[in-house]
Amino acid sequence: MTEGGNLQQQIQILNMQKQQLSAQQKEFDNALEELKNAKGLVYKSAGNLLIEVSKEDAKKELEEKQETITKRLETLELQEKRLNSKLKNLEKE
């Protein structure tokens, strides 16, 4: 495989990862919205079990996961920009 083809493949892989993370981020957005409206007990999944947690703990955990995904998406964006730049430089040669 040529270097240009390899770069294109890496860009495609990054795009797939970004799509997956974006979908997860939307799920966390939806969960946080539902949590705001939740009345009564809140449960989280732990394997095959549902465990009761405080609303505050559930919110904190979701926000932490969302922050991690946001940082990962930013990293993937930077990687994608670098790869696109390399690809453009190769095409100029």
N, C-alpha and C. Protein backbone atom coordinates (compact mmCIF):
# COMPACT_ATOMS: atom_id res chain seq x y z
N MET A 1 0.85 -1.18 0.00
CA MET A 1 0.00 0.00 0.00
C MET A 1 0.90 1.25 0.00
N THR A 2 0.50 2.24 -0.75
CA THR A 2 1.28 3.46 -0.81
C THR A 2 1.10 4.28 0.46
N GLU A 3 2.00 5.23 0.66
CA GLU A 3 1.90 6.06 1.85
C GLU A 3 0.60 6.87 1.84
N GLY A 4 0.20 7.35 0.68
CA GLY A 4 -1.06 8.09 0.56
C GLY A 4 -2.26 7.23 0.88
N GLY A 5 -2.24 5.99 0.40
CA GLY A 5 -3.32 5.05 0.70
C GLY A 5 -3.39 4.73 2.17
N ASN A 6 -2.22 4.59 2.77
CA ASN A 6 -2.14 4.32 4.20
C ASN A 6 -2.72 5.49 5.00
N LEU A 7 -2.39 6.70 4.60
CA LEU A 7 -2.92 7.88 5.28
C LEU A 7 -4.44 7.97 5.14
N GLN A 8 -4.94 7.66 3.95
CA GLN A 8 -6.39 7.68 3.73
C GLN A 8 -7.09 6.65 4.61
N GLN A 9 -6.48 5.49 4.74
CA GLN A 9 -7.05 4.44 5.59
C GLN A 9 -7.07 4.90 7.05
N GLN A 10 -6.00 5.53 7.50
CA GLN A 10 -5.94 6.03 8.88
C GLN A 10 -7.01 7.10 9.11
N ILE A 11 -7.22 7.96 8.12
CA ILE A 11 -8.25 8.99 8.23
C ILE A 11 -9.63 8.36 8.33
N GLN A 12 -9.88 7.31 7.55
CA GLN A 12 -11.17 6.61 7.62
C GLN A 12 -11.39 6.00 8.99
N ILE A 13 -10.34 5.41 9.55
CA ILE A 13 -10.44 4.80 10.87
C ILE A 13 -10.75 5.87 11.92
N LEU A 14 -10.08 7.01 11.81
CA LEU A 14 -10.35 8.12 12.74
C LEU A 14 -11.79 8.60 12.62
N ASN A 15 -12.30 8.68 11.40
CA ASN A 15 -13.69 9.11 11.19
C ASN A 15 -14.67 8.13 11.82
N MET A 16 -14.40 6.84 11.71
CA MET A 16 -15.27 5.84 12.33
C MET A 16 -15.25 5.99 13.85
N GLN A 17 -14.06 6.19 14.41
CA GLN A 17 -13.94 6.37 15.85
C GLN A 17 -14.68 7.63 16.30
N LYS A 18 -14.57 8.70 15.52
CA LYS A 18 -15.28 9.94 15.86
C LYS A 18 -16.79 9.73 15.84
N GLN A 19 -17.29 8.98 14.86
CA GLN A 19 -18.72 8.71 14.78
C GLN A 19 -19.19 7.92 16.00
N GLN A 20 -18.41 6.92 16.39
CA GLN A 20 -18.78 6.12 17.56
C GLN A 20 -18.80 6.97 18.82
N LEU A 21 -17.78 7.80 18.99
CA LEU A 21 -17.72 8.65 20.18
C LEU A 21 -18.83 9.70 20.18
N SER A 22 -19.16 10.22 19.01
CA SER A 22 -20.26 11.19 18.92
C SER A 22 -21.58 10.55 19.31
N ALA A 23 -21.78 9.31 18.90
CA ALA A 23 -23.00 8.59 19.28
C ALA A 23 -23.04 8.38 20.79
N GLN A 24 -21.91 8.02 21.38
CA GLN A 24 -21.86 7.85 22.83
C GLN A 24 -22.14 9.17 23.53
N GLN A 25 -21.58 10.25 23.00
CA GLN A 25 -21.79 11.56 23.60
C GLN A 25 -23.28 11.93 23.58
N LYS A 26 -23.97 11.62 22.49
CA LYS A 26 -25.41 11.89 22.41
C LYS A 26 -26.18 11.05 23.44
N GLU A 27 -25.74 9.81 23.64
CA GLU A 27 -26.38 8.96 24.64
C GLU A 27 -26.23 9.57 26.03
N PHE A 28 -25.02 10.08 26.33
CA PHE A 28 -24.80 10.71 27.64
C PHE A 28 -25.62 11.99 27.76
N ASP A 29 -25.74 12.76 26.68
CA ASP A 29 -26.58 13.96 26.69
C ASP A 29 -28.02 13.60 27.04
N ASN A 30 -28.51 12.55 26.38
CA ASN A 30 -29.88 12.09 26.63
C ASN A 30 -30.05 11.59 28.07
N ALA A 31 -29.06 10.86 28.55
CA ALA A 31 -29.12 10.34 29.92
C ALA A 31 -29.12 11.48 30.93
N LEU A 32 -28.29 12.49 30.70
CA LEU A 32 -28.26 13.65 31.61
C LEU A 32 -29.59 14.39 31.59
N GLU A 33 -30.18 14.51 30.43
CA GLU A 33 -31.48 15.17 30.32
C GLU A 33 -32.55 14.38 31.08
N GLU A 34 -32.54 13.06 30.91
CA GLU A 34 -33.50 12.21 31.63
C GLU A 34 -33.26 12.30 33.14
N LEU A 35 -32.01 12.39 33.52
CA LEU A 35 -31.66 12.46 34.93
C LEU A 35 -32.21 13.74 35.56
N LYS A 36 -32.19 14.83 34.80
CA LYS A 36 -32.74 16.10 35.31
C LYS A 36 -34.22 15.95 35.66
N ASN A 37 -34.92 15.16 34.84
CA ASN A 37 -36.36 14.99 35.02
C ASN A 37 -36.72 13.84 35.95
N ALA A 38 -35.71 13.10 36.39
CA ALA A 38 -35.97 11.91 37.20
C ALA A 38 -36.50 12.30 38.58
N LYS A 39 -37.50 11.57 38.99
CA LYS A 39 -38.05 11.73 40.34
C LYS A 39 -37.94 10.37 41.03
N GLY A 40 -37.53 10.38 42.25
CA GLY A 40 -37.42 9.12 42.97
C GLY A 40 -36.05 8.51 42.82
N LEU A 41 -36.02 7.20 42.82
CA LEU A 41 -34.76 6.46 42.82
C LEU A 41 -34.11 6.47 41.43
N VAL A 42 -32.77 6.39 41.45
CA VAL A 42 -31.99 6.32 40.22
C VAL A 42 -31.13 5.07 40.30
N TYR A 43 -31.06 4.34 39.18
CA TYR A 43 -30.27 3.12 39.13
C TYR A 43 -29.26 3.22 37.99
N LYS A 44 -28.13 2.52 38.18
CA LYS A 44 -27.16 2.41 37.09
C LYS A 44 -26.86 0.94 36.88
N SER A 45 -26.48 0.65 35.67
CA SER A 45 -26.17 -0.73 35.31
C SER A 45 -24.73 -1.05 35.70
N ALA A 46 -24.58 -2.22 36.33
CA ALA A 46 -23.25 -2.73 36.68
C ALA A 46 -23.23 -4.20 36.28
N GLY A 47 -22.84 -4.44 35.04
CA GLY A 47 -22.90 -5.81 34.52
C GLY A 47 -24.35 -6.22 34.36
N ASN A 48 -24.72 -7.30 35.01
CA ASN A 48 -26.10 -7.79 34.92
C ASN A 48 -26.98 -7.25 36.04
N LEU A 49 -26.45 -6.34 36.83
CA LEU A 49 -27.18 -5.81 37.97
C LEU A 49 -27.56 -4.35 37.77
N LEU A 50 -28.62 -3.94 38.42
CA LEU A 50 -28.96 -2.53 38.53
C LEU A 50 -28.70 -2.14 39.98
N ILE A 51 -27.92 -1.07 40.14
CA ILE A 51 -27.53 -0.63 41.48
C ILE A 51 -28.11 0.76 41.71
N GLU A 52 -28.71 0.94 42.88
CA GLU A 52 -29.25 2.25 43.24
C GLU A 52 -28.10 3.21 43.53
N VAL A 53 -28.18 4.40 42.94
CA VAL A 53 -27.17 5.44 43.17
C VAL A 53 -27.91 6.76 43.40
N SER A 54 -27.21 7.69 44.03
CA SER A 54 -27.83 9.00 44.21
C SER A 54 -27.86 9.72 42.86
N LYS A 55 -28.78 10.60 42.74
CA LYS A 55 -28.92 11.38 41.50
C LYS A 55 -27.63 12.17 41.24
N GLU A 56 -27.05 12.71 42.31
CA GLU A 56 -25.82 13.50 42.18
C GLU A 56 -24.65 12.64 41.69
N ASP A 57 -24.53 11.43 42.26
CA ASP A 57 -23.45 10.53 41.84
C ASP A 57 -23.61 10.12 40.38
N ALA A 58 -24.84 9.83 39.99
CA ALA A 58 -25.10 9.44 38.60
C ALA A 58 -24.76 10.59 37.66
N LYS A 59 -25.14 11.80 38.05
CA LYS A 59 -24.85 12.98 37.22
C LYS A 59 -23.35 13.20 37.11
N LYS A 60 -22.65 13.08 38.23
CA LYS A 60 -21.21 13.28 38.24
C LYS A 60 -20.51 12.27 37.33
N GLU A 61 -20.93 11.01 37.43
CA GLU A 61 -20.32 9.96 36.61
C GLU A 61 -20.56 10.21 35.12
N LEU A 62 -21.78 10.58 34.77
CA LEU A 62 -22.10 10.86 33.36
C LEU A 62 -21.30 12.05 32.84
N GLU A 63 -21.19 13.09 33.66
CA GLU A 63 -20.43 14.27 33.24
C GLU A 63 -18.95 13.95 33.06
N GLU A 64 -18.40 13.10 33.93
CA GLU A 64 -17.00 12.70 33.79
C GLU A 64 -16.78 11.90 32.51
N LYS A 65 -17.70 10.98 32.23
CA LYS A 65 -17.60 10.19 31.00
C LYS A 65 -17.73 11.08 29.77
N GLN A 66 -18.63 12.05 29.86
CA GLN A 66 -18.83 12.97 28.75
C GLN A 66 -17.58 13.82 28.52
N GLU A 67 -16.95 14.25 29.59
CA GLU A 67 -15.72 15.04 29.48
C GLU A 67 -14.60 14.22 28.83
N THR A 68 -14.50 12.95 29.21
CA THR A 68 -13.50 12.07 28.62
C THR A 68 -13.73 11.93 27.12
N ILE A 69 -14.97 11.75 26.73
CA ILE A 69 -15.30 11.61 25.31
C ILE A 69 -14.98 12.89 24.56
N THR A 70 -15.29 14.03 25.16
CA THR A 70 -15.00 15.31 24.52
C THR A 70 -13.50 15.47 24.28
N LYS A 71 -12.71 15.13 25.28
CA LYS A 71 -11.25 15.22 25.13
C LYS A 71 -10.75 14.26 24.05
N ARG A 72 -11.31 13.07 24.03
CA ARG A 72 -10.91 12.08 23.02
C ARG A 72 -11.28 12.56 21.62
N LEU A 73 -12.45 13.17 21.48
CA LEU A 73 -12.86 13.71 20.18
C LEU A 73 -11.92 14.83 19.73
N GLU A 74 -11.51 15.68 20.66
CA GLU A 74 -10.57 16.75 20.32
C GLU A 74 -9.25 16.17 19.84
N THR A 75 -8.79 15.11 20.50
CA THR A 75 -7.54 14.46 20.10
C THR A 75 -7.67 13.86 18.70
N LEU A 76 -8.79 13.22 18.43
CA LEU A 76 -9.01 12.63 17.11
C LEU A 76 -9.07 13.71 16.03
N GLU A 77 -9.66 14.86 16.35
CA GLU A 77 -9.71 15.98 15.40
C GLU A 77 -8.30 16.43 15.04
N LEU A 78 -7.44 16.56 16.05
CA LEU A 78 -6.06 16.97 15.81
C LEU A 78 -5.32 15.95 14.95
N GLN A 79 -5.50 14.68 15.27
CA GLN A 79 -4.86 13.62 14.48
C GLN A 79 -5.33 13.67 13.04
N GLU A 80 -6.63 13.89 12.86
CA GLU A 80 -7.19 13.94 11.51
C GLU A 80 -6.61 15.12 10.73
N LYS A 81 -6.49 16.27 11.37
CA LYS A 81 -5.92 17.45 10.70
C LYS A 81 -4.48 17.18 10.28
N ARG A 82 -3.71 16.56 11.16
CA ARG A 82 -2.30 16.25 10.84
C ARG A 82 -2.21 15.28 9.66
N LEU A 83 -3.06 14.26 9.68
CA LEU A 83 -3.03 13.28 8.59
C LEU A 83 -3.46 13.91 7.27
N ASN A 84 -4.49 14.76 7.32
CA ASN A 84 -4.93 15.46 6.10
C ASN A 84 -3.84 16.37 5.56
N SER A 85 -3.13 17.02 6.46
CA SER A 85 -2.03 17.88 6.06
C SER A 85 -0.92 17.06 5.39
N LYS A 86 -0.58 15.93 5.98
CA LYS A 86 0.44 15.05 5.38
C LYS A 86 0.00 14.58 4.00
N LEU A 87 -1.29 14.22 3.90
CA LEU A 87 -1.82 13.73 2.64
C LEU A 87 -1.75 14.82 1.57
N LYS A 88 -2.10 16.05 1.92
CA LYS A 88 -2.03 17.15 0.96
C LYS A 88 -0.59 17.40 0.52
N ASN A 89 0.34 17.32 1.46
CA ASN A 89 1.75 17.50 1.11
C ASN A 89 2.24 16.41 0.17
N LEU A 90 1.78 15.20 0.40
CA LEU A 90 2.16 14.09 -0.50
C LEU A 90 1.60 14.30 -1.89
N GLU A 91 0.38 14.80 -1.97
CA GLU A 91 -0.25 15.01 -3.27
C GLU A 91 0.43 16.13 -4.04
N LYS A 92 1.02 17.09 -3.33
CA LYS A 92 1.73 18.18 -3.99
C LYS A 92 3.03 17.70 -4.64
N GLU A 93 3.61 16.68 -4.05
CA GLU A 93 4.91 16.18 -4.54
C GLU A 93 4.79 15.46 -5.86
